[in-house]
């Protein structure tokens, strides 16, 4: 038994080292790396643990939040939120920018990963060339969110990482 615990610890350490490797520099780059890594963990969980027939099943009929009734609505919400984050930064950089409301549909479990990866790619493309922004430059961009909080690009990306983590945990609780 001791051998297996030891082996498990070595494998966990190797996974964590790989998990937190950096592709980008700067605060924004580090957060984008973490955002993509959290998304990969979510994709793995959904692909391994969520059955196709459970995708649209209502798991919380009591919630007032329409985005949190099923695994499908949560995943649609995450895709939409990812798109919205880009729009918020554009608005923060240009107060005259108009954010367009969009509706997101992820009909099948198989569609989620591709849609969310496309959003992550769009975010990475938008931030390209901004990874090494100074703290002062980041602080100058004021982003008024739809939920009433004023953020900067760094805190918005921190929110994005935690957003994926929170919904990942929510789905895991439903599956238990």
N, C-alpha and C. Protein backbone atom coordinates (compact mmCIF):
# COMPACT_ATOMS: atom_id res chain seq x y z
N UNK A 1 0.82 -1.19 0.00
CA UNK A 1 0.00 0.00 0.00
C UNK A 1 0.87 1.26 0.00
N UNK A 2 1.92 1.26 0.78
CA UNK A 2 2.82 2.40 0.85
C UNK A 2 3.40 2.72 -0.53
N UNK A 3 3.77 1.67 -1.28
CA UNK A 3 4.30 1.87 -2.64
C UNK A 3 3.31 2.63 -3.52
N UNK A 4 2.05 2.25 -3.47
CA UNK A 4 1.05 2.90 -4.33
C UNK A 4 0.81 4.35 -3.92
N UNK A 5 0.81 4.63 -2.61
CA UNK A 5 0.68 6.02 -2.15
C UNK A 5 1.85 6.86 -2.64
N UNK A 6 3.04 6.31 -2.54
CA UNK A 6 4.25 7.00 -3.00
C UNK A 6 4.19 7.25 -4.50
N UNK A 7 3.79 6.23 -5.26
CA UNK A 7 3.68 6.36 -6.71
C UNK A 7 2.63 7.41 -7.08
N UNK A 8 1.52 7.40 -6.37
CA UNK A 8 0.46 8.38 -6.62
C UNK A 8 0.97 9.80 -6.39
N UNK A 9 1.75 10.00 -5.31
CA UNK A 9 2.30 11.32 -5.03
C UNK A 9 3.24 11.78 -6.12
N UNK A 10 4.06 10.89 -6.65
CA UNK A 10 4.97 11.25 -7.74
C UNK A 10 4.17 11.62 -8.99
N UNK A 11 3.17 10.83 -9.32
CA UNK A 11 2.35 11.14 -10.49
C UNK A 11 1.61 12.46 -10.31
N UNK A 12 1.10 12.72 -9.12
CA UNK A 12 0.41 13.98 -8.85
C UNK A 12 1.36 15.15 -9.01
N UNK A 13 2.58 15.01 -8.51
CA UNK A 13 3.58 16.07 -8.61
C UNK A 13 3.90 16.34 -10.08
N UNK A 14 4.10 15.29 -10.86
CA UNK A 14 4.38 15.47 -12.30
C UNK A 14 3.22 16.17 -13.00
N UNK A 15 2.00 15.78 -12.67
CA UNK A 15 0.84 16.40 -13.30
C UNK A 15 0.78 17.89 -12.93
N UNK A 16 1.03 18.22 -11.66
CA UNK A 16 0.98 19.62 -11.24
C UNK A 16 2.06 20.44 -11.90
N UNK A 17 3.24 19.87 -12.07
CA UNK A 17 4.32 20.59 -12.75
C UNK A 17 3.88 20.89 -14.18
N UNK A 18 3.34 19.92 -14.87
CA UNK A 18 2.89 20.13 -16.24
C UNK A 18 1.70 21.09 -16.27
N UNK A 19 0.80 20.93 -15.31
CA UNK A 19 -0.40 21.75 -15.27
C UNK A 19 -0.08 23.23 -15.18
N UNK A 20 0.93 23.58 -14.39
CA UNK A 20 1.22 24.99 -14.17
C UNK A 20 2.38 25.51 -15.00
N UNK A 21 2.71 24.83 -16.10
CA UNK A 21 3.71 25.36 -17.01
C UNK A 21 3.13 26.58 -17.73
N UNK A 22 3.97 27.52 -18.02
CA UNK A 22 3.53 28.78 -18.61
C UNK A 22 3.84 28.82 -20.10
N UNK A 23 2.86 29.25 -20.87
CA UNK A 23 3.07 29.49 -22.29
C UNK A 23 3.32 30.97 -22.56
N UNK A 24 2.82 31.82 -21.65
CA UNK A 24 2.85 33.26 -21.87
C UNK A 24 3.54 33.95 -20.69
N UNK A 25 3.95 35.17 -20.91
CA UNK A 25 4.58 35.94 -19.85
C UNK A 25 3.60 36.96 -19.29
N UNK A 26 3.99 37.59 -18.20
CA UNK A 26 3.20 38.65 -17.62
C UNK A 26 2.00 38.15 -16.83
N UNK A 27 1.38 39.07 -16.10
CA UNK A 27 0.22 38.73 -15.27
C UNK A 27 -0.94 38.24 -16.12
N UNK A 28 -1.22 38.94 -17.20
CA UNK A 28 -2.34 38.53 -18.06
C UNK A 28 -2.06 37.18 -18.72
N UNK A 29 -0.80 36.96 -19.12
CA UNK A 29 -0.43 35.70 -19.73
C UNK A 29 -0.56 34.54 -18.76
N UNK A 30 -0.13 34.74 -17.52
CA UNK A 30 -0.24 33.69 -16.51
C UNK A 30 -1.70 33.34 -16.27
N UNK A 31 -2.55 34.34 -16.20
CA UNK A 31 -3.97 34.08 -15.96
C UNK A 31 -4.63 33.40 -17.15
N UNK A 32 -4.24 33.77 -18.36
CA UNK A 32 -4.81 33.10 -19.53
C UNK A 32 -4.38 31.65 -19.57
N UNK A 33 -3.12 31.38 -19.21
CA UNK A 33 -2.65 29.99 -19.12
C UNK A 33 -3.50 29.21 -18.12
N UNK A 34 -3.74 29.79 -16.95
CA UNK A 34 -4.54 29.11 -15.93
C UNK A 34 -5.98 28.91 -16.39
N UNK A 35 -6.53 29.88 -17.07
CA UNK A 35 -7.89 29.79 -17.61
C UNK A 35 -8.01 28.60 -18.56
N UNK A 36 -7.06 28.49 -19.48
CA UNK A 36 -7.07 27.37 -20.43
C UNK A 36 -6.87 26.04 -19.71
N UNK A 37 -6.01 26.00 -18.70
CA UNK A 37 -5.78 24.77 -17.96
C UNK A 37 -7.02 24.34 -17.18
N UNK A 38 -7.70 25.29 -16.56
CA UNK A 38 -8.94 24.96 -15.85
C UNK A 38 -10.00 24.45 -16.83
N UNK A 39 -10.06 25.06 -18.00
CA UNK A 39 -11.01 24.61 -19.02
C UNK A 39 -10.70 23.17 -19.43
N UNK A 40 -9.42 22.84 -19.59
CA UNK A 40 -9.04 21.47 -19.95
C UNK A 40 -9.47 20.47 -18.88
N UNK A 41 -9.32 20.84 -17.61
CA UNK A 41 -9.78 19.97 -16.54
C UNK A 41 -11.30 19.79 -16.61
N UNK A 42 -12.01 20.85 -16.90
CA UNK A 42 -13.47 20.78 -17.05
C UNK A 42 -13.85 19.88 -18.22
N UNK A 43 -13.18 20.05 -19.35
CA UNK A 43 -13.49 19.22 -20.53
C UNK A 43 -13.28 17.74 -20.19
N UNK A 44 -12.17 17.43 -19.52
CA UNK A 44 -11.90 16.05 -19.16
C UNK A 44 -13.00 15.47 -18.28
N UNK A 45 -13.43 16.24 -17.30
CA UNK A 45 -14.49 15.78 -16.40
C UNK A 45 -15.79 15.56 -17.17
N UNK A 46 -16.15 16.51 -18.00
CA UNK A 46 -17.40 16.38 -18.75
C UNK A 46 -17.33 15.18 -19.70
N UNK A 47 -16.22 15.04 -20.40
CA UNK A 47 -16.09 13.92 -21.34
C UNK A 47 -16.09 12.56 -20.63
N UNK A 48 -15.54 12.50 -19.43
CA UNK A 48 -15.45 11.23 -18.72
C UNK A 48 -16.66 10.92 -17.85
N UNK A 49 -17.29 11.94 -17.28
CA UNK A 49 -18.30 11.68 -16.25
C UNK A 49 -19.72 12.03 -16.63
N UNK A 50 -19.90 12.90 -17.62
CA UNK A 50 -21.26 13.32 -17.98
C UNK A 50 -21.76 12.46 -19.13
N UNK A 51 -22.84 11.75 -18.91
CA UNK A 51 -23.45 10.95 -19.96
C UNK A 51 -24.24 11.86 -20.89
N UNK A 52 -24.27 11.50 -22.16
CA UNK A 52 -25.01 12.31 -23.14
C UNK A 52 -26.46 12.52 -22.71
N UNK A 53 -27.06 11.49 -22.16
CA UNK A 53 -28.47 11.58 -21.77
C UNK A 53 -28.69 12.48 -20.54
N UNK A 54 -27.61 12.82 -19.82
CA UNK A 54 -27.73 13.70 -18.65
C UNK A 54 -27.46 15.17 -18.98
N UNK A 55 -27.04 15.45 -20.19
CA UNK A 55 -26.64 16.79 -20.60
C UNK A 55 -27.71 17.85 -20.29
N UNK A 56 -28.93 17.62 -20.69
CA UNK A 56 -29.98 18.63 -20.56
C UNK A 56 -30.95 18.37 -19.40
N UNK A 57 -30.67 17.37 -18.59
CA UNK A 57 -31.55 17.04 -17.48
C UNK A 57 -31.49 18.15 -16.43
N UNK A 58 -32.66 18.62 -16.00
CA UNK A 58 -32.72 19.64 -14.96
C UNK A 58 -32.21 19.05 -13.65
N UNK A 59 -31.16 19.66 -13.12
CA UNK A 59 -30.56 19.19 -11.86
C UNK A 59 -30.98 20.07 -10.68
N UNK A 60 -31.37 21.32 -10.97
CA UNK A 60 -31.79 22.23 -9.91
C UNK A 60 -33.00 23.03 -10.40
N UNK A 61 -34.17 22.48 -10.17
CA UNK A 61 -35.42 23.13 -10.61
C UNK A 61 -35.79 24.30 -9.71
N UNK A 62 -35.18 24.40 -8.53
CA UNK A 62 -35.52 25.44 -7.55
C UNK A 62 -34.76 26.74 -7.75
N UNK A 63 -33.64 26.70 -8.44
CA UNK A 63 -32.82 27.90 -8.57
C UNK A 63 -33.54 28.98 -9.37
N UNK A 64 -33.27 30.22 -9.01
CA UNK A 64 -33.81 31.35 -9.77
C UNK A 64 -32.90 31.70 -10.95
N UNK A 65 -31.70 31.13 -10.95
CA UNK A 65 -30.73 31.40 -12.01
C UNK A 65 -30.94 30.41 -13.16
N UNK A 66 -31.49 30.91 -14.25
CA UNK A 66 -31.77 30.07 -15.43
C UNK A 66 -30.50 29.40 -15.98
N UNK A 67 -29.35 30.02 -15.72
CA UNK A 67 -28.08 29.48 -16.23
C UNK A 67 -27.55 28.31 -15.41
N UNK A 68 -28.22 27.98 -14.33
CA UNK A 68 -27.71 26.95 -13.42
C UNK A 68 -28.72 25.83 -13.17
N UNK A 69 -29.53 25.52 -14.15
CA UNK A 69 -30.53 24.47 -13.98
C UNK A 69 -30.03 23.09 -14.40
N UNK A 70 -29.16 23.06 -15.41
CA UNK A 70 -28.67 21.79 -15.94
C UNK A 70 -27.20 21.95 -16.33
N UNK A 71 -26.57 20.86 -16.63
CA UNK A 71 -25.18 20.91 -17.11
C UNK A 71 -25.14 21.69 -18.41
N UNK A 72 -26.12 21.49 -19.26
CA UNK A 72 -26.19 22.21 -20.53
C UNK A 72 -26.27 23.72 -20.30
N UNK A 73 -27.16 24.17 -19.41
CA UNK A 73 -27.30 25.62 -19.21
C UNK A 73 -26.05 26.22 -18.58
N UNK A 74 -25.39 25.47 -17.71
CA UNK A 74 -24.13 25.96 -17.13
C UNK A 74 -23.09 26.12 -18.23
N UNK A 75 -22.97 25.14 -19.10
CA UNK A 75 -21.96 25.20 -20.16
C UNK A 75 -22.27 26.29 -21.16
N UNK A 76 -23.53 26.48 -21.49
CA UNK A 76 -23.92 27.60 -22.36
C UNK A 76 -23.54 28.92 -21.70
N UNK A 77 -23.79 29.01 -20.40
CA UNK A 77 -23.46 30.20 -19.63
C UNK A 77 -21.96 30.47 -19.67
N UNK A 78 -21.12 29.44 -19.54
CA UNK A 78 -19.68 29.64 -19.56
C UNK A 78 -19.19 30.12 -20.93
N UNK A 79 -19.76 29.58 -21.99
CA UNK A 79 -19.40 30.05 -23.34
C UNK A 79 -19.80 31.51 -23.50
N UNK A 80 -21.02 31.83 -23.10
CA UNK A 80 -21.49 33.20 -23.20
C UNK A 80 -20.68 34.16 -22.35
N UNK A 81 -20.33 33.73 -21.14
CA UNK A 81 -19.52 34.57 -20.25
C UNK A 81 -18.15 34.83 -20.86
N UNK A 82 -17.55 33.81 -21.45
CA UNK A 82 -16.25 33.98 -22.09
C UNK A 82 -16.30 35.02 -23.20
N UNK A 83 -17.37 34.98 -24.00
CA UNK A 83 -17.54 35.99 -25.05
C UNK A 83 -17.76 37.37 -24.45
N UNK A 84 -18.53 37.41 -23.39
CA UNK A 84 -18.84 38.68 -22.72
C UNK A 84 -17.59 39.32 -22.13
N UNK A 85 -16.67 38.52 -21.59
CA UNK A 85 -15.44 39.06 -21.02
C UNK A 85 -14.65 39.85 -22.07
N UNK A 86 -14.59 39.34 -23.29
CA UNK A 86 -13.89 40.06 -24.36
C UNK A 86 -14.59 41.39 -24.62
N UNK A 87 -15.91 41.35 -24.69
CA UNK A 87 -16.69 42.56 -24.93
C UNK A 87 -16.46 43.58 -23.81
N UNK A 88 -16.39 43.13 -22.57
CA UNK A 88 -16.17 44.03 -21.44
C UNK A 88 -14.81 44.73 -21.54
N UNK A 89 -13.78 44.00 -21.93
CA UNK A 89 -12.45 44.61 -22.06
C UNK A 89 -12.47 45.63 -23.19
N UNK A 90 -13.11 45.30 -24.30
CA UNK A 90 -13.21 46.27 -25.41
C UNK A 90 -13.91 47.54 -24.95
N UNK A 91 -14.97 47.38 -24.18
CA UNK A 91 -15.70 48.53 -23.64
C UNK A 91 -14.83 49.31 -22.65
N UNK A 92 -14.05 48.60 -21.84
CA UNK A 92 -13.14 49.26 -20.91
C UNK A 92 -12.07 50.07 -21.61
N UNK A 93 -11.62 49.58 -22.75
CA UNK A 93 -10.60 50.30 -23.52
C UNK A 93 -11.19 51.42 -24.36
N UNK A 94 -12.47 51.28 -24.72
CA UNK A 94 -13.14 52.27 -25.56
C UNK A 94 -14.57 52.47 -25.06
N UNK A 95 -14.81 53.49 -24.25
CA UNK A 95 -16.14 53.69 -23.67
C UNK A 95 -17.27 53.83 -24.71
N UNK A 96 -16.93 54.15 -25.96
CA UNK A 96 -17.94 54.27 -27.01
C UNK A 96 -18.33 52.93 -27.63
N UNK A 97 -17.59 51.89 -27.29
CA UNK A 97 -17.87 50.55 -27.83
C UNK A 97 -19.22 50.06 -27.30
N UNK A 98 -20.01 49.47 -28.20
CA UNK A 98 -21.32 48.94 -27.82
C UNK A 98 -21.26 47.43 -27.72
N UNK A 99 -21.67 46.91 -26.58
CA UNK A 99 -21.70 45.46 -26.37
C UNK A 99 -23.01 44.92 -26.91
N UNK A 100 -22.89 43.96 -27.81
CA UNK A 100 -24.07 43.32 -28.40
C UNK A 100 -24.47 42.11 -27.56
N UNK A 101 -25.73 41.99 -27.28
CA UNK A 101 -26.26 40.83 -26.54
C UNK A 101 -26.35 39.64 -27.50
N UNK A 102 -25.82 38.50 -27.09
CA UNK A 102 -25.89 37.30 -27.92
C UNK A 102 -26.50 36.16 -27.12
N UNK A 103 -27.12 35.26 -27.84
CA UNK A 103 -27.68 34.06 -27.23
C UNK A 103 -26.81 32.88 -27.60
N UNK A 104 -26.47 32.08 -26.64
CA UNK A 104 -25.58 30.93 -26.85
C UNK A 104 -26.39 29.65 -26.72
N UNK A 105 -26.22 28.76 -27.69
CA UNK A 105 -26.85 27.45 -27.63
C UNK A 105 -25.77 26.37 -27.78
N UNK A 106 -25.76 25.45 -26.85
CA UNK A 106 -24.88 24.29 -26.92
C UNK A 106 -25.80 23.08 -26.81
N UNK A 107 -26.31 22.66 -27.96
CA UNK A 107 -27.35 21.64 -27.99
C UNK A 107 -26.89 20.29 -27.44
N UNK A 108 -25.66 19.90 -27.77
CA UNK A 108 -25.15 18.59 -27.39
C UNK A 108 -23.86 18.72 -26.59
N UNK A 109 -23.63 17.77 -25.72
CA UNK A 109 -22.40 17.72 -24.94
C UNK A 109 -21.18 17.79 -25.86
N UNK A 110 -21.24 17.12 -26.99
CA UNK A 110 -20.11 17.07 -27.92
C UNK A 110 -19.76 18.44 -28.49
N UNK A 111 -20.68 19.39 -28.45
CA UNK A 111 -20.43 20.73 -29.01
C UNK A 111 -19.74 21.67 -28.04
N UNK A 112 -19.83 21.39 -26.75
CA UNK A 112 -19.34 22.32 -25.74
C UNK A 112 -17.84 22.60 -25.86
N UNK A 113 -17.04 21.57 -25.90
CA UNK A 113 -15.59 21.76 -25.89
C UNK A 113 -15.14 22.63 -27.06
N UNK A 114 -15.63 22.36 -28.24
CA UNK A 114 -15.23 23.15 -29.41
C UNK A 114 -15.67 24.61 -29.27
N UNK A 115 -16.88 24.83 -28.78
CA UNK A 115 -17.36 26.20 -28.63
C UNK A 115 -16.56 26.96 -27.57
N UNK A 116 -16.27 26.31 -26.46
CA UNK A 116 -15.53 27.00 -25.40
C UNK A 116 -14.08 27.22 -25.81
N UNK A 117 -13.49 26.26 -26.51
CA UNK A 117 -12.11 26.44 -27.01
C UNK A 117 -12.05 27.60 -28.00
N UNK A 118 -13.07 27.77 -28.82
CA UNK A 118 -13.11 28.90 -29.76
C UNK A 118 -13.14 30.23 -29.00
N UNK A 119 -13.90 30.27 -27.91
CA UNK A 119 -13.96 31.48 -27.08
C UNK A 119 -12.59 31.75 -26.44
N UNK A 120 -11.96 30.71 -25.91
CA UNK A 120 -10.64 30.88 -25.32
C UNK A 120 -9.63 31.37 -26.36
N UNK A 121 -9.71 30.84 -27.57
CA UNK A 121 -8.82 31.29 -28.65
C UNK A 121 -9.07 32.76 -28.98
N UNK A 122 -10.33 33.16 -28.99
CA UNK A 122 -10.66 34.57 -29.25
C UNK A 122 -10.10 35.46 -28.15
N UNK A 123 -10.22 35.02 -26.92
CA UNK A 123 -9.67 35.80 -25.82
C UNK A 123 -8.15 35.91 -25.93
N UNK A 124 -7.49 34.79 -26.19
CA UNK A 124 -6.03 34.80 -26.32
C UNK A 124 -5.60 35.70 -27.47
N UNK A 125 -6.32 35.66 -28.57
CA UNK A 125 -6.00 36.52 -29.72
C UNK A 125 -6.18 37.99 -29.35
N UNK A 126 -7.23 38.29 -28.60
CA UNK A 126 -7.47 39.68 -28.21
C UNK A 126 -6.36 40.19 -27.30
N UNK A 127 -5.93 39.37 -26.36
CA UNK A 127 -4.89 39.78 -25.41
C UNK A 127 -3.48 39.70 -25.98
N UNK A 128 -3.31 39.07 -27.15
CA UNK A 128 -1.97 38.93 -27.73
C UNK A 128 -1.34 40.32 -27.87
N UNK A 129 -0.11 40.44 -27.43
CA UNK A 129 0.56 41.73 -27.44
C UNK A 129 0.30 42.53 -26.17
N UNK A 130 -0.59 42.04 -25.32
CA UNK A 130 -0.89 42.73 -24.06
C UNK A 130 -0.41 41.93 -22.83
N UNK A 131 0.16 40.74 -23.05
CA UNK A 131 0.53 39.88 -21.94
C UNK A 131 1.42 40.59 -20.93
N UNK A 132 2.33 41.39 -21.40
CA UNK A 132 3.31 42.03 -20.52
C UNK A 132 2.94 43.46 -20.14
N UNK A 133 1.66 43.78 -20.18
CA UNK A 133 1.25 45.13 -19.78
C UNK A 133 1.71 45.38 -18.34
N UNK A 134 2.12 46.61 -18.08
CA UNK A 134 2.53 46.97 -16.72
C UNK A 134 1.31 47.03 -15.82
N UNK A 135 1.54 46.96 -14.52
CA UNK A 135 0.44 47.08 -13.56
C UNK A 135 -0.29 48.41 -13.74
N UNK A 136 0.46 49.46 -14.02
CA UNK A 136 -0.14 50.77 -14.20
C UNK A 136 -1.05 50.79 -15.42
N UNK A 137 -0.61 50.18 -16.51
CA UNK A 137 -1.43 50.14 -17.73
C UNK A 137 -2.68 49.29 -17.52
N UNK A 138 -2.54 48.19 -16.81
CA UNK A 138 -3.70 47.34 -16.51
C UNK A 138 -4.70 48.11 -15.66
N UNK A 139 -4.19 48.81 -14.64
CA UNK A 139 -5.06 49.55 -13.72
C UNK A 139 -5.81 50.68 -14.39
N UNK A 140 -5.30 51.18 -15.50
CA UNK A 140 -5.97 52.30 -16.19
C UNK A 140 -7.22 51.86 -16.94
N UNK A 141 -7.36 50.58 -17.22
CA UNK A 141 -8.53 50.09 -17.95
C UNK A 141 -9.61 49.72 -16.93
N UNK A 142 -10.66 50.48 -16.92
CA UNK A 142 -11.76 50.27 -15.97
C UNK A 142 -12.91 49.57 -16.70
N UNK A 143 -13.30 48.43 -16.16
CA UNK A 143 -14.32 47.59 -16.78
C UNK A 143 -15.52 47.52 -15.85
N UNK A 144 -16.62 48.12 -16.25
CA UNK A 144 -17.86 48.04 -15.46
C UNK A 144 -18.61 46.79 -15.92
N UNK A 145 -18.73 45.84 -15.03
CA UNK A 145 -19.37 44.57 -15.37
C UNK A 145 -20.88 44.69 -15.32
N UNK A 146 -21.54 43.73 -15.92
CA UNK A 146 -22.99 43.66 -15.89
C UNK A 146 -23.54 43.32 -14.51
N UNK A 147 -22.67 42.83 -13.62
CA UNK A 147 -23.11 42.49 -12.26
C UNK A 147 -22.71 43.59 -11.27
N UNK A 148 -22.29 44.77 -11.81
CA UNK A 148 -22.12 45.95 -10.98
C UNK A 148 -20.74 46.20 -10.40
N UNK A 149 -19.78 45.35 -10.65
CA UNK A 149 -18.44 45.50 -10.10
C UNK A 149 -17.54 46.15 -11.16
N UNK A 150 -16.62 47.01 -10.73
CA UNK A 150 -15.64 47.60 -11.63
C UNK A 150 -14.34 46.82 -11.47
N UNK A 151 -13.83 46.30 -12.59
CA UNK A 151 -12.63 45.49 -12.61
C UNK A 151 -11.62 46.07 -13.58
N UNK A 152 -10.42 45.51 -13.59
CA UNK A 152 -9.43 45.76 -14.62
C UNK A 152 -9.22 44.43 -15.36
N UNK A 153 -8.47 44.42 -16.47
CA UNK A 153 -8.31 43.15 -17.21
C UNK A 153 -7.74 42.00 -16.38
N UNK A 154 -6.84 42.30 -15.45
CA UNK A 154 -6.27 41.24 -14.62
C UNK A 154 -7.33 40.63 -13.72
N UNK A 155 -8.09 41.45 -13.03
CA UNK A 155 -9.11 40.91 -12.13
C UNK A 155 -10.24 40.25 -12.91
N UNK A 156 -10.51 40.69 -14.14
CA UNK A 156 -11.52 40.03 -14.97
C UNK A 156 -11.05 38.63 -15.35
N UNK A 157 -9.77 38.48 -15.71
CA UNK A 157 -9.25 37.15 -16.03
C UNK A 157 -9.21 36.26 -14.78
N UNK A 158 -8.90 36.83 -13.63
CA UNK A 158 -8.97 36.05 -12.39
C UNK A 158 -10.39 35.54 -12.18
N UNK A 159 -11.35 36.42 -12.41
CA UNK A 159 -12.76 36.02 -12.28
C UNK A 159 -13.07 34.88 -13.26
N UNK A 160 -12.57 34.98 -14.48
CA UNK A 160 -12.84 33.96 -15.50
C UNK A 160 -12.32 32.59 -15.06
N UNK A 161 -11.11 32.55 -14.50
CA UNK A 161 -10.54 31.28 -14.03
C UNK A 161 -11.43 30.69 -12.93
N UNK A 162 -11.79 31.51 -11.97
CA UNK A 162 -12.60 31.03 -10.85
C UNK A 162 -14.02 30.68 -11.30
N UNK A 163 -14.51 31.34 -12.32
CA UNK A 163 -15.84 31.04 -12.85
C UNK A 163 -15.89 29.59 -13.34
N UNK A 164 -14.87 29.20 -14.09
CA UNK A 164 -14.80 27.81 -14.58
C UNK A 164 -14.68 26.85 -13.39
N UNK A 165 -13.84 27.19 -12.44
CA UNK A 165 -13.65 26.30 -11.28
C UNK A 165 -14.95 26.13 -10.49
N UNK A 166 -15.68 27.21 -10.26
CA UNK A 166 -16.92 27.13 -9.48
C UNK A 166 -17.95 26.25 -10.18
N UNK A 167 -18.10 26.45 -11.50
CA UNK A 167 -19.09 25.63 -12.21
C UNK A 167 -18.65 24.19 -12.34
N UNK A 168 -17.35 23.96 -12.44
CA UNK A 168 -16.81 22.60 -12.46
C UNK A 168 -17.22 21.89 -11.16
N UNK A 169 -17.02 22.54 -10.03
CA UNK A 169 -17.40 21.97 -8.74
C UNK A 169 -18.92 21.74 -8.65
N UNK A 170 -19.69 22.68 -9.19
CA UNK A 170 -21.14 22.54 -9.17
C UNK A 170 -21.58 21.29 -9.93
N UNK A 171 -21.01 21.10 -11.10
CA UNK A 171 -21.37 19.92 -11.90
C UNK A 171 -20.93 18.64 -11.18
N UNK A 172 -19.74 18.65 -10.59
CA UNK A 172 -19.28 17.47 -9.84
C UNK A 172 -20.22 17.14 -8.69
N UNK A 173 -20.71 18.15 -8.00
CA UNK A 173 -21.66 17.89 -6.90
C UNK A 173 -22.92 17.22 -7.44
N UNK A 174 -23.38 17.64 -8.58
CA UNK A 174 -24.57 17.03 -9.18
C UNK A 174 -24.33 15.58 -9.56
N UNK A 175 -23.11 15.29 -9.98
CA UNK A 175 -22.80 13.93 -10.43
C UNK A 175 -22.60 12.96 -9.26
N UNK A 176 -22.30 13.50 -8.09
CA UNK A 176 -22.08 12.62 -6.91
C UNK A 176 -23.34 12.09 -6.40
